Amino acid sequence: LRRQQSSILIQLRTGHVALAKHLNRIKKNDNPNCPHCRLRGRNELETVRHFILDCPSYSRERFRMQRELGRDASSLKILLGDEKGVKTLLRYIGQTRRLEKSFGDV
């Protein structure tokens, strides 16, 4: 893995990543809810789990991940810990462009 990818992975594993819930906790964001879900009138905390597994805004990217990993695509343990899962997750993150502001192209 490149250094940038390792950093993303560590931040996702610890929850200290540039998503609304963490940014709110460290006083860098006023709202801990997912910005995409807020636009749809939903109050969903933007956690690592929400970003990777639940946010409807990334359903197309998530579908690609599920096609590649099958049932394993719904397991954070596999996505964050298994070699194939990590590679697939990093591709997903790049496709969503959600962390681009912090990390550039993934």
PDB file of N, CA and C in Angstrom:
ATOM      1  N   LEU A   1       0.837  -1.202   0.000  1.00  0.00           N
ATOM      2  CA  LEU A   1       0.000   0.000   0.000  1.00  0.00           C
ATOM      3  C   LEU A   1       0.873   1.253   0.000  1.00  0.00           C
ATOM      4  N   ARG A   2       0.400   2.263  -0.690  1.00  0.00           N
ATOM      5  CA  ARG A   2       1.081   3.555  -0.629  1.00  0.00           C
ATOM      6  C   ARG A   2       0.826   4.176   0.742  1.00  0.00           C
ATOM      7  N   ARG A   3       1.685   5.095   1.126  1.00  0.00           N
ATOM      8  CA  ARG A   3       1.572   5.747   2.436  1.00  0.00           C
ATOM      9  C   ARG A   3       0.186   6.377   2.632  1.00  0.00           C
ATOM     10  N   GLN A   4      -0.293   7.049   1.609  1.00  0.00           N
ATOM     11  CA  GLN A   4      -1.606   7.692   1.670  1.00  0.00           C
ATOM     12  C   GLN A   4      -2.700   6.654   1.938  1.00  0.00           C
ATOM     13  N   GLN A   5      -2.619   5.516   1.275  1.00  0.00           N
ATOM     14  CA  GLN A   5      -3.611   4.458   1.466  1.00  0.00           C
ATOM     15  C   GLN A   5      -3.520   3.882   2.872  1.00  0.00           C
ATOM     16  N   SER A   6      -2.307   3.710   3.376  1.00  0.00           N
ATOM     17  CA  SER A   6      -2.133   3.222   4.748  1.00  0.00           C
ATOM     18  C   SER A   6      -2.732   4.197   5.746  1.00  0.00           C
ATOM     19  N   SER A   7      -2.533   5.488   5.511  1.00  0.00           N
ATOM     20  CA  SER A   7      -3.101   6.514   6.399  1.00  0.00           C
ATOM     21  C   SER A   7      -4.622   6.442   6.414  1.00  0.00           C
ATOM     22  N   ILE A   8      -5.211   6.313   5.239  1.00  0.00           N
ATOM     23  CA  ILE A   8      -6.673   6.205   5.151  1.00  0.00           C
ATOM     24  C   ILE A   8      -7.151   4.990   5.937  1.00  0.00           C
ATOM     25  N   LEU A   9      -6.493   3.882   5.741  1.00  0.00           N
ATOM     26  CA  LEU A   9      -6.885   2.641   6.401  1.00  0.00           C
ATOM     27  C   LEU A   9      -6.807   2.770   7.920  1.00  0.00           C
ATOM     28  N   ILE A  10      -5.726   3.332   8.422  1.00  0.00           N
ATOM     29  CA  ILE A  10      -5.571   3.520   9.872  1.00  0.00           C
ATOM     30  C   ILE A  10      -6.662   4.444  10.398  1.00  0.00           C
ATOM     31  N   GLN A  11      -6.927   5.523   9.679  1.00  0.00           N
ATOM     32  CA  GLN A  11      -7.956   6.458  10.125  1.00  0.00           C
ATOM     33  C   GLN A  11      -9.340   5.822  10.114  1.00  0.00           C
ATOM     34  N   LEU A  12      -9.623   5.017   9.116  1.00  0.00           N
ATOM     35  CA  LEU A  12     -10.915   4.321   9.084  1.00  0.00           C
ATOM     36  C   LEU A  12     -11.022   3.329  10.237  1.00  0.00           C
ATOM     37  N   ARG A  13      -9.943   2.610  10.508  1.00  0.00           N
ATOM     38  CA  ARG A  13      -9.959   1.622  11.593  1.00  0.00           C
ATOM     39  C   ARG A  13     -10.162   2.272  12.954  1.00  0.00           C
ATOM     40  N   THR A  14      -9.602   3.462  13.144  1.00  0.00           N
ATOM     41  CA  THR A  14      -9.697   4.131  14.446  1.00  0.00           C
ATOM     42  C   THR A  14     -10.902   5.062  14.546  1.00  0.00           C
ATOM     43  N   GLY A  15     -11.527   5.358  13.405  1.00  0.00           N
ATOM     44  CA  GLY A  15     -12.651   6.290  13.405  1.00  0.00           C
ATOM     45  C   GLY A  15     -12.212   7.743  13.382  1.00  0.00           C
ATOM     46  N   HIS A  16     -10.914   7.992  13.299  1.00  0.00           N
ATOM     47  CA  HIS A  16     -10.373   9.351  13.279  1.00  0.00           C
ATOM     48  C   HIS A  16     -10.136   9.778  11.835  1.00  0.00           C
ATOM     49  N   VAL A  17     -11.211   9.858  11.093  1.00  0.00           N
ATOM     50  CA  VAL A  17     -11.151  10.146   9.662  1.00  0.00           C
ATOM     51  C   VAL A  17     -12.048  11.343   9.362  1.00  0.00           C
ATOM     52  N   ALA A  18     -11.774  12.033   8.266  1.00  0.00           N
ATOM     53  CA  ALA A  18     -12.485  13.270   7.936  1.00  0.00           C
ATOM     54  C   ALA A  18     -13.923  13.017   7.481  1.00  0.00           C
ATOM     55  N   LEU A  19     -14.709  12.439   8.377  1.00  0.00           N
ATOM     56  CA  LEU A  19     -16.149  12.276   8.176  1.00  0.00           C
ATOM     57  C   LEU A  19     -16.844  13.135   9.230  1.00  0.00           C
ATOM     58  N   ALA A  20     -18.071  13.526   8.983  1.00  0.00           N
ATOM     59  CA  ALA A  20     -18.761  14.521   9.811  1.00  0.00           C
ATOM     60  C   ALA A  20     -18.772  14.204  11.306  1.00  0.00           C
ATOM     61  N   LYS A  21     -18.988  12.951  11.690  1.00  0.00           N
ATOM     62  CA  LYS A  21     -19.066  12.638  13.121  1.00  0.00           C
ATOM     63  C   LYS A  21     -17.743  12.947  13.821  1.00  0.00           C
ATOM     64  N   HIS A  22     -16.637  12.525  13.228  1.00  0.00           N
ATOM     65  CA  HIS A  22     -15.329  12.791  13.834  1.00  0.00           C
ATOM     66  C   HIS A  22     -14.999  14.286  13.788  1.00  0.00           C
ATOM     67  N   LEU A  23     -15.252  14.928  12.664  1.00  0.00           N
ATOM     68  CA  LEU A  23     -14.961  16.358  12.549  1.00  0.00           C
ATOM     69  C   LEU A  23     -15.773  17.164  13.555  1.00  0.00           C
ATOM     70  N   ASN A  24     -16.994  16.752  13.822  1.00  0.00           N
ATOM     71  CA  ASN A  24     -17.816  17.410  14.831  1.00  0.00           C
ATOM     72  C   ASN A  24     -17.231  17.203  16.227  1.00  0.00           C
ATOM     73  N   ARG A  25     -16.756  16.003  16.493  1.00  0.00           N
ATOM     74  CA  ARG A  25     -16.181  15.688  17.806  1.00  0.00           C
ATOM     75  C   ARG A  25     -14.943  16.546  18.089  1.00  0.00           C
ATOM     76  N   ILE A  26     -14.152  16.846  17.051  1.00  0.00           N
ATOM     77  CA  ILE A  26     -12.944  17.654  17.253  1.00  0.00           C
ATOM     78  C   ILE A  26     -13.188  19.133  16.919  1.00  0.00           C
ATOM     79  N   LYS A  27     -14.452  19.515  16.863  1.00  0.00           N
ATOM     80  CA  LYS A  27     -14.874  20.911  16.672  1.00  0.00           C
ATOM     81  C   LYS A  27     -14.449  21.512  15.328  1.00  0.00           C
ATOM     82  N   LYS A  28     -14.396  20.678  14.293  1.00  0.00           N
ATOM     83  CA  LYS A  28     -14.059  21.157  12.947  1.00  0.00           C
ATOM     84  C   LYS A  28     -15.292  21.200  12.046  1.00  0.00           C
ATOM     85  N   ASN A  29     -16.430  20.783  12.591  1.00  0.00           N
ATOM     86  CA  ASN A  29     -17.668  20.727  11.820  1.00  0.00           C
ATOM     87  C   ASN A  29     -18.824  20.934  12.798  1.00  0.00           C
ATOM     88  N   ASP A  30     -19.804  21.705  12.398  1.00  0.00           N
ATOM     89  CA  ASP A  30     -20.943  21.988  13.281  1.00  0.00           C
ATOM     90  C   ASP A  30     -21.928  20.838  13.405  1.00  0.00           C
ATOM     91  N   ASN A  31     -21.941  19.946  12.438  1.00  0.00           N
ATOM     92  CA  ASN A  31     -22.976  18.920  12.393  1.00  0.00           C
ATOM     93  C   ASN A  31     -22.357  17.535  12.186  1.00  0.00           C
ATOM     94  N   PRO A  32     -22.700  16.554  13.044  1.00  0.00           N
ATOM     95  CA  PRO A  32     -22.138  15.211  12.904  1.00  0.00           C
ATOM     96  C   PRO A  32     -22.856  14.341  11.865  1.00  0.00           C
ATOM     97  N   ASN A  33     -23.923  14.873  11.273  1.00  0.00           N
ATOM     98  CA  ASN A  33     -24.720  14.068  10.344  1.00  0.00           C
ATOM     99  C   ASN A  33     -24.145  14.085   8.933  1.00  0.00           C
ATOM    100  N   CYS A  34     -24.440  13.031   8.207  1.00  0.00           N
ATOM    101  CA  CYS A  34     -23.984  12.868   6.828  1.00  0.00           C
ATOM    102  C   CYS A  34     -24.525  14.015   5.969  1.00  0.00           C
ATOM    103  N   PRO A  35     -23.648  14.733   5.274  1.00  0.00           N
ATOM    104  CA  PRO A  35     -24.126  15.852   4.453  1.00  0.00           C
ATOM    105  C   PRO A  35     -25.041  15.408   3.310  1.00  0.00           C
ATOM    106  N   HIS A  36     -24.823  14.227   2.777  1.00  0.00           N
ATOM    107  CA  HIS A  36     -25.666  13.732   1.681  1.00  0.00           C
ATOM    108  C   HIS A  36     -27.059  13.361   2.192  1.00  0.00           C
ATOM    109  N   CYS A  37     -27.111  12.709   3.331  1.00  0.00           N
ATOM    110  CA  CYS A  37     -28.405  12.311   3.900  1.00  0.00           C
ATOM    111  C   CYS A  37     -29.175  13.525   4.409  1.00  0.00           C
ATOM    112  N   ARG A  38     -28.469  14.535   4.926  1.00  0.00           N
ATOM    113  CA  ARG A  38     -29.127  15.766   5.383  1.00  0.00           C
ATOM    114  C   ARG A  38     -29.891  16.406   4.235  1.00  0.00           C
ATOM    115  N   LEU A  39     -29.299  16.397   3.045  1.00  0.00           N
ATOM    116  CA  LEU A  39     -29.977  16.978   1.876  1.00  0.00           C
ATOM    117  C   LEU A  39     -31.262  16.236   1.545  1.00  0.00           C
ATOM    118  N   ARG A  40     -31.334  14.979   1.958  1.00  0.00           N
ATOM    119  CA  ARG A  40     -32.537  14.164   1.725  1.00  0.00           C
ATOM    120  C   ARG A  40     -33.478  14.182   2.930  1.00  0.00           C
ATOM    121  N   GLY A  41     -33.183  15.030   3.907  1.00  0.00           N
ATOM    122  CA  GLY A  41     -34.034  15.145   5.079  1.00  0.00           C
ATOM    123  C   GLY A  41     -33.845  14.048   6.108  1.00  0.00           C
ATOM    124  N   ARG A  42     -32.732  13.326   6.029  1.00  0.00           N
ATOM    125  CA  ARG A  42     -32.465  12.242   6.983  1.00  0.00           C
ATOM    126  C   ARG A  42     -31.363  12.673   7.935  1.00  0.00           C
ATOM    127  N   ASN A  43     -31.485  12.293   9.192  1.00  0.00           N
ATOM    128  CA  ASN A  43     -30.455  12.579  10.188  1.00  0.00           C
ATOM    129  C   ASN A  43     -29.688  11.315  10.509  1.00  0.00           C
ATOM    130  N   GLU A  44     -28.660  11.053   9.726  1.00  0.00           N
ATOM    131  CA  GLU A  44     -27.813   9.876   9.922  1.00  0.00           C
ATOM    132  C   GLU A  44     -26.413  10.349  10.276  1.00  0.00           C
ATOM    133  N   LEU A  45     -25.883   9.873  11.398  1.00  0.00           N
ATOM    134  CA  LEU A  45     -24.504  10.216  11.742  1.00  0.00           C
ATOM    135  C   LEU A  45     -23.578   9.705  10.644  1.00  0.00           C
ATOM    136  N   GLU A  46     -22.631  10.544  10.240  1.00  0.00           N
ATOM    137  CA  GLU A  46     -21.677  10.096   9.226  1.00  0.00           C
ATOM    138  C   GLU A  46     -20.502   9.416   9.927  1.00  0.00           C
ATOM    139  N   THR A  47     -20.697   8.142  10.183  1.00  0.00           N
ATOM    140  CA  THR A  47     -19.673   7.299  10.792  1.00  0.00           C
ATOM    141  C   THR A  47     -18.959   6.532   9.685  1.00  0.00           C
ATOM    142  N   VAL A  48     -17.913   5.819  10.055  1.00  0.00           N
ATOM    143  CA  VAL A  48     -17.216   4.962   9.094  1.00  0.00           C
ATOM    144  C   VAL A  48     -18.198   3.941   8.526  1.00  0.00           C
ATOM    145  N   ARG A  49     -18.974   3.332   9.396  1.00  0.00           N
ATOM    146  CA  ARG A  49     -19.948   2.325   8.956  1.00  0.00           C
ATOM    147  C   ARG A  49     -20.963   2.925   7.972  1.00  0.00           C
ATOM    148  N   HIS A  50     -21.485   4.096   8.315  1.00  0.00           N
ATOM    149  CA  HIS A  50     -22.468   4.741   7.441  1.00  0.00           C
ATOM    150  C   HIS A  50     -21.854   5.025   6.067  1.00  0.00           C
ATOM    151  N   PHE A  51     -20.662   5.599   6.053  1.00  0.00           N
ATOM    152  CA  PHE A  51     -19.996   5.929   4.792  1.00  0.00           C
ATOM    153  C   PHE A  51     -19.750   4.691   3.932  1.00  0.00           C
ATOM    154  N   ILE A  52     -19.252   3.635   4.546  1.00  0.00           N
ATOM    155  CA  ILE A  52     -18.873   2.451   3.771  1.00  0.00           C
ATOM    156  C   ILE A  52     -20.065   1.556   3.437  1.00  0.00           C
ATOM    157  N   LEU A  53     -20.964   1.352   4.389  1.00  0.00           N
ATOM    158  CA  LEU A  53     -22.002   0.328   4.208  1.00  0.00           C
ATOM    159  C   LEU A  53     -23.424   0.841   3.996  1.00  0.00           C
ATOM    160  N   ASP A  54     -23.722   2.059   4.431  1.00  0.00           N
ATOM    161  CA  ASP A  54     -25.127   2.456   4.491  1.00  0.00           C
ATOM    162  C   ASP A  54     -25.561   3.658   3.659  1.00  0.00           C
ATOM    163  N   CYS A  55     -24.699   4.619   3.424  1.00  0.00           N
ATOM    164  CA  CYS A  55     -25.134   5.869   2.792  1.00  0.00           C
ATOM    165  C   CYS A  55     -25.692   5.619   1.388  1.00  0.00           C
ATOM    166  N   PRO A  56     -26.949   6.016   1.162  1.00  0.00           N
ATOM    167  CA  PRO A  56     -27.571   5.789  -0.141  1.00  0.00           C
ATOM    168  C   PRO A  56     -26.879   6.541  -1.282  1.00  0.00           C
ATOM    169  N   SER A  57     -26.145   7.586  -0.965  1.00  0.00           N
ATOM    170  CA  SER A  57     -25.461   8.356  -2.009  1.00  0.00           C
ATOM    171  C   SER A  57     -24.382   7.558  -2.721  1.00  0.00           C
ATOM    172  N   TYR A  58     -23.896   6.509  -2.064  1.00  0.00           N
ATOM    173  CA  TYR A  58     -22.815   5.715  -2.645  1.00  0.00           C
ATOM    174  C   TYR A  58     -23.276   4.312  -3.021  1.00  0.00           C
ATOM    175  N   SER A  59     -24.548   4.154  -3.291  1.00  0.00           N
ATOM    176  CA  SER A  59     -25.071   2.814  -3.588  1.00  0.00           C
ATOM    177  C   SER A  59     -24.468   2.228  -4.870  1.00  0.00           C
ATOM    178  N   ARG A  60     -24.216   3.051  -5.860  1.00  0.00           N
ATOM    179  CA  ARG A  60     -23.629   2.550  -7.112  1.00  0.00           C
ATOM    180  C   ARG A  60     -22.210   2.022  -6.861  1.00  0.00           C
ATOM    181  N   GLU A  61     -21.414   2.792  -6.129  1.00  0.00           N
ATOM    182  CA  GLU A  61     -20.053   2.369  -5.809  1.00  0.00           C
ATOM    183  C   GLU A  61     -20.066   1.125  -4.921  1.00  0.00           C
ATOM    184  N   ARG A  62     -21.018   1.093  -3.984  1.00  0.00           N
ATOM    185  CA  ARG A  62     -21.139  -0.055  -3.082  1.00  0.00           C
ATOM    186  C   ARG A  62     -21.544  -1.310  -3.857  1.00  0.00           C
ATOM    187  N   PHE A  63     -22.386  -1.150  -4.858  1.00  0.00           N
ATOM    188  CA  PHE A  63     -22.793  -2.284  -5.693  1.00  0.00           C
ATOM    189  C   PHE A  63     -21.577  -2.903  -6.381  1.00  0.00           C
ATOM    190  N   ARG A  64     -20.677  -2.054  -6.879  1.00  0.00           N
ATOM    191  CA  ARG A  64     -19.450  -2.568  -7.506  1.00  0.00           C
ATOM    192  C   ARG A  64     -18.624  -3.359  -6.499  1.00  0.00           C
ATOM    193  N   MET A  65     -18.558  -2.853  -5.278  1.00  0.00           N
ATOM    194  CA  MET A  65     -17.812  -3.530  -4.222  1.00  0.00           C
ATOM    195  C   MET A  65     -18.459  -4.888  -3.916  1.00  0.00           C
ATOM    196  N   GLN A  66     -19.776  -4.929  -3.874  1.00  0.00           N
ATOM    197  CA  GLN A  66     -20.494  -6.178  -3.604  1.00  0.00           C
ATOM    198  C   GLN A  66     -20.325  -7.181  -4.734  1.00  0.00           C
ATOM    199  N   ARG A  67     -20.278  -6.693  -5.962  1.00  0.00           N
ATOM    200  CA  ARG A  67     -20.047  -7.583  -7.098  1.00  0.00           C
ATOM    201  C   ARG A  67     -18.683  -8.258  -6.981  1.00  0.00           C
ATOM    202  N   GLU A  68     -17.726  -7.515  -6.489  1.00  0.00           N
ATOM    203  CA  GLU A  68     -16.369  -8.045  -6.381  1.00  0.00           C
ATOM    204  C   GLU A  68     -16.188  -8.975  -5.184  1.00  0.00           C
ATOM    205  N   LEU A  69     -16.795  -8.626  -4.048  1.00  0.00           N
ATOM    206  CA  LEU A  69     -16.560  -9.383  -2.813  1.00  0.00           C
ATOM    207  C   LEU A  69     -17.725 -10.259  -2.372  1.00  0.00           C
ATOM    208  N   GLY A  70     -18.888 -10.084  -2.982  1.00  0.00           N
ATOM    209  CA  GLY A  70     -20.053 -10.842  -2.544  1.00  0.00           C
ATOM    210  C   GLY A  70     -20.463 -10.444  -1.137  1.00  0.00           C
ATOM    211  N   ARG A  71     -20.828 -11.431  -0.346  1.00  0.00           N
ATOM    212  CA  ARG A  71     -21.306 -11.201   1.017  1.00  0.00           C
ATOM    213  C   ARG A  71     -20.269 -10.483   1.887  1.00  0.00           C
ATOM    214  N   ASP A  72     -18.994 -10.702   1.594  1.00  0.00           N
ATOM    215  CA  ASP A  72     -17.926 -10.083   2.387  1.00  0.00           C
ATOM    216  C   ASP A  72     -17.929  -8.559   2.301  1.00  0.00           C
ATOM    217  N   ALA A  73     -18.573  -7.996   1.284  1.00  0.00           N
ATOM    218  CA  ALA A  73     -18.617  -6.543   1.119  1.00  0.00           C
ATOM    219  C   ALA A  73     -19.419  -5.862   2.221  1.00  0.00           C
ATOM    220  N   SER A  74     -20.177  -6.621   2.997  1.00  0.00           N
ATOM    221  CA  SER A  74     -20.950  -6.017   4.089  1.00  0.00           C
ATOM    222  C   SER A  74     -20.282  -6.231   5.444  1.00  0.00           C
ATOM    223  N   SER A  75     -19.027  -6.655   5.433  1.00  0.00           N
ATOM    224  CA  SER A  75     -18.288  -6.885   6.675  1.00  0.00           C
ATOM    225  C   SER A  75     -17.149  -5.880   6.820  1.00  0.00           C
ATOM    226  N   LEU A  76     -17.280  -4.961   7.780  1.00  0.00           N
ATOM    227  CA  LEU A  76     -16.197  -4.009   8.020  1.00  0.00           C
ATOM    228  C   LEU A  76     -14.912  -4.728   8.404  1.00  0.00           C
ATOM    229  N   LYS A  77     -15.042  -5.833   9.120  1.00  0.00           N
ATOM    230  CA  LYS A  77     -13.859  -6.594   9.524  1.00  0.00           C
ATOM    231  C   LYS A  77     -13.065  -7.039   8.296  1.00  0.00           C
ATOM    232  N   ILE A  78     -13.751  -7.519   7.289  1.00  0.00           N
ATOM    233  CA  ILE A  78     -13.074  -7.964   6.065  1.00  0.00           C
ATOM    234  C   ILE A  78     -12.597  -6.765   5.250  1.00  0.00           C
ATOM    235  N   LEU A  79     -13.430  -5.758   5.109  1.00  0.00           N
ATOM    236  CA  LEU A  79     -13.053  -4.587   4.315  1.00  0.00           C
ATOM    237  C   LEU A  79     -11.852  -3.851   4.901  1.00  0.00           C
ATOM    238  N   LEU A  80     -11.733  -3.863   6.219  1.00  0.00           N
ATOM    239  CA  LEU A  80     -10.641  -3.140   6.870  1.00  0.00           C
ATOM    240  C   LEU A  80      -9.464  -4.028   7.251  1.00  0.00           C
ATOM    241  N   GLY A  81      -9.610  -5.357   7.076  1.00  0.00           N
ATOM    242  CA  GLY A  81      -8.558  -6.236   7.554  1.00  0.00           C
ATOM    243  C   GLY A  81      -8.027  -7.266   6.581  1.00  0.00           C
ATOM    244  N   ASP A  82      -8.825  -7.650   5.618  1.00  0.00           N
ATOM    245  CA  ASP A  82      -8.430  -8.678   4.655  1.00  0.00           C
ATOM    246  C   ASP A  82      -7.776  -8.007   3.439  1.00  0.00           C
ATOM    247  N   GLU A  83      -6.737  -8.608   2.891  1.00  0.00           N
ATOM    248  CA  GLU A  83      -5.999  -7.988   1.780  1.00  0.00           C
ATOM    249  C   GLU A  83      -6.901  -7.636   0.594  1.00  0.00           C
ATOM    250  N   LYS A  84      -7.710  -8.589   0.160  1.00  0.00           N
ATOM    251  CA  LYS A  84      -8.614  -8.328  -0.968  1.00  0.00           C
ATOM    252  C   LYS A  84      -9.686  -7.303  -0.572  1.00  0.00           C
ATOM    253  N   GLY A  85     -10.172  -7.410   0.670  1.00  0.00           N
ATOM    254  CA  GLY A  85     -11.165  -6.462   1.161  1.00  0.00           C
ATOM    255  C   GLY A  85     -10.625  -5.042   1.183  1.00  0.00           C
ATOM    256  N   VAL A  86      -9.393  -4.883   1.651  1.00  0.00           N
ATOM    257  CA  VAL A  86      -8.766  -3.560   1.725  1.00  0.00           C
ATOM    258  C   VAL A  86      -8.610  -2.960   0.329  1.00  0.00           C
ATOM    259  N   LYS A  87      -8.132  -3.745  -0.605  1.00  0.00           N
ATOM    260  CA  LYS A  87      -7.957  -3.239  -1.978  1.00  0.00           C
ATOM    261  C   LYS A  87      -9.294  -2.809  -2.576  1.00  0.00           C
ATOM    262  N   THR A  88     -10.314  -3.604  -2.338  1.00  0.00           N
ATOM    263  CA  THR A  88     -11.647  -3.280  -2.847  1.00  0.00           C
ATOM    264  C   THR A  88     -12.186  -2.028  -2.162  1.00  0.00           C
ATOM    265  N   LEU A  89     -11.984  -1.924  -0.848  1.00  0.00           N
ATOM    266  CA  LEU A  89     -12.436  -0.750  -0.102  1.00  0.00           C
ATOM    267  C   LEU A  89     -11.734   0.510  -0.601  1.00  0.00           C
ATOM    268  N   LEU A  90     -10.445   0.450  -0.823  1.00  0.00           N
ATOM    269  CA  LEU A  90      -9.715   1.623  -1.308  1.00  0.00           C
ATOM    270  C   LEU A  90     -10.216   2.051  -2.686  1.00  0.00           C
ATOM    271  N   ARG A  91     -10.558   1.099  -3.518  1.00  0.00           N
ATOM    272  CA  ARG A  91     -11.140   1.419  -4.827  1.00  0.00           C
ATOM    273  C   ARG A  91     -12.487   2.127  -4.625  1.00  0.00           C
ATOM    274  N   TYR A  92     -13.307   1.602  -3.707  1.00  0.00           N
ATOM    275  CA  TYR A  92     -14.604   2.213  -3.376  1.00  0.00           C
ATOM    276  C   TYR A  92     -14.410   3.662  -2.926  1.00  0.00           C
ATOM    277  N   ILE A  93     -13.462   3.874  -2.026  1.00  0.00           N
ATOM    278  CA  ILE A  93     -13.214   5.223  -1.505  1.00  0.00           C
ATOM    279  C   ILE A  93     -12.804   6.163  -2.637  1.00  0.00           C
ATOM    280  N   GLY A  94     -11.947   5.680  -3.524  1.00  0.00           N
ATOM    281  CA  GLY A  94     -11.555   6.495  -4.674  1.00  0.00           C
ATOM    282  C   GLY A  94     -12.739   6.835  -5.562  1.00  0.00           C
ATOM    283  N   GLN A  95     -13.620   5.878  -5.768  1.00  0.00           N
ATOM    284  CA  GLN A  95     -14.792   6.096  -6.622  1.00  0.00           C
ATOM    285  C   GLN A  95     -15.772   7.081  -5.991  1.00  0.00           C
ATOM    286  N   THR A  96     -15.907   7.057  -4.664  1.00  0.00           N
ATOM    287  CA  THR A  96     -16.839   7.977  -4.002  1.00  0.00           C
ATOM    288  C   THR A  96     -16.291   9.398  -3.966  1.00  0.00           C
ATOM    289  N   ARG A  97     -14.982   9.530  -3.981  1.00  0.00           N
ATOM    290  CA  ARG A  97     -14.294  10.820  -3.885  1.00  0.00           C
ATOM    291  C   ARG A  97     -14.587  11.533  -2.564  1.00  0.00           C
ATOM    292  N   ARG A  98     -15.126  10.821  -1.591  1.00  0.00           N
ATOM    293  CA  ARG A  98     -15.518  11.434  -0.321  1.00  0.00           C
ATOM    294  C   ARG A  98     -14.324  11.949   0.475  1.00  0.00           C
ATOM    295  N   LEU A  99     -13.183  11.291   0.395  1.00  0.00           N
ATOM    296  CA  LEU A  99     -12.019  11.706   1.179  1.00  0.00           C
ATOM    297  C   LEU A  99     -10.980  12.429   0.325  1.00  0.00           C
ATOM    298  N   GLU A 100     -11.371  12.818  -0.866  1.00  0.00           N
ATOM    299  CA  GLU A 100     -10.452  13.463  -1.801  1.00  0.00           C
ATOM    300  C   GLU A 100      -9.891  14.772  -1.255  1.00  0.00           C
ATOM    301  N   LYS A 101     -10.708  15.508  -0.530  1.00  0.00           N
ATOM    302  CA  LYS A 101     -10.270  16.788   0.029  1.00  0.00           C
ATOM    303  C   LYS A 101      -9.108  16.590   1.008  1.00  0.00           C
ATOM    304  N   SER A 102      -9.134  15.502   1.748  1.00  0.00           N
ATOM    305  CA  SER A 102      -8.086  15.219   2.729  1.00  0.00           C
ATOM    306  C   SER A 102      -6.889  14.496   2.133  1.00  0.00           C
ATOM    307  N   PHE A 103      -7.149  13.614   1.159  1.00  0.00           N
ATOM    308  CA  PHE A 103      -6.094  12.721   0.682  1.00  0.00           C
ATOM    309  C   PHE A 103      -5.761  12.844  -0.798  1.00  0.00           C
ATOM    310  N   GLY A 104      -6.516  13.608  -1.563  1.00  0.00           N
ATOM    311  CA  GLY A 104      -6.308  13.635  -3.007  1.00  0.00           C
ATOM    312  C   GLY A 104      -6.847  12.355  -3.616  1.00  0.00           C
ATOM    313  N   ASP A 105      -6.357  12.002  -4.779  1.00  0.00           N
ATOM    314  CA  ASP A 105      -6.792  10.758  -5.429  1.00  0.00           C
ATOM    315  C   ASP A 105      -6.331   9.559  -4.625  1.00  0.00           C
ATOM    316  N   VAL A 106      -7.247   8.627  -4.373  1.00  0.00           N
ATOM    317  CA  VAL A 106      -6.907   7.431  -3.591  1.00  0.00           C
ATOM    318  C   VAL A 106      -6.478   6.337  -4.534  1.00  0.00           C
TER     319      VAL A 106
END
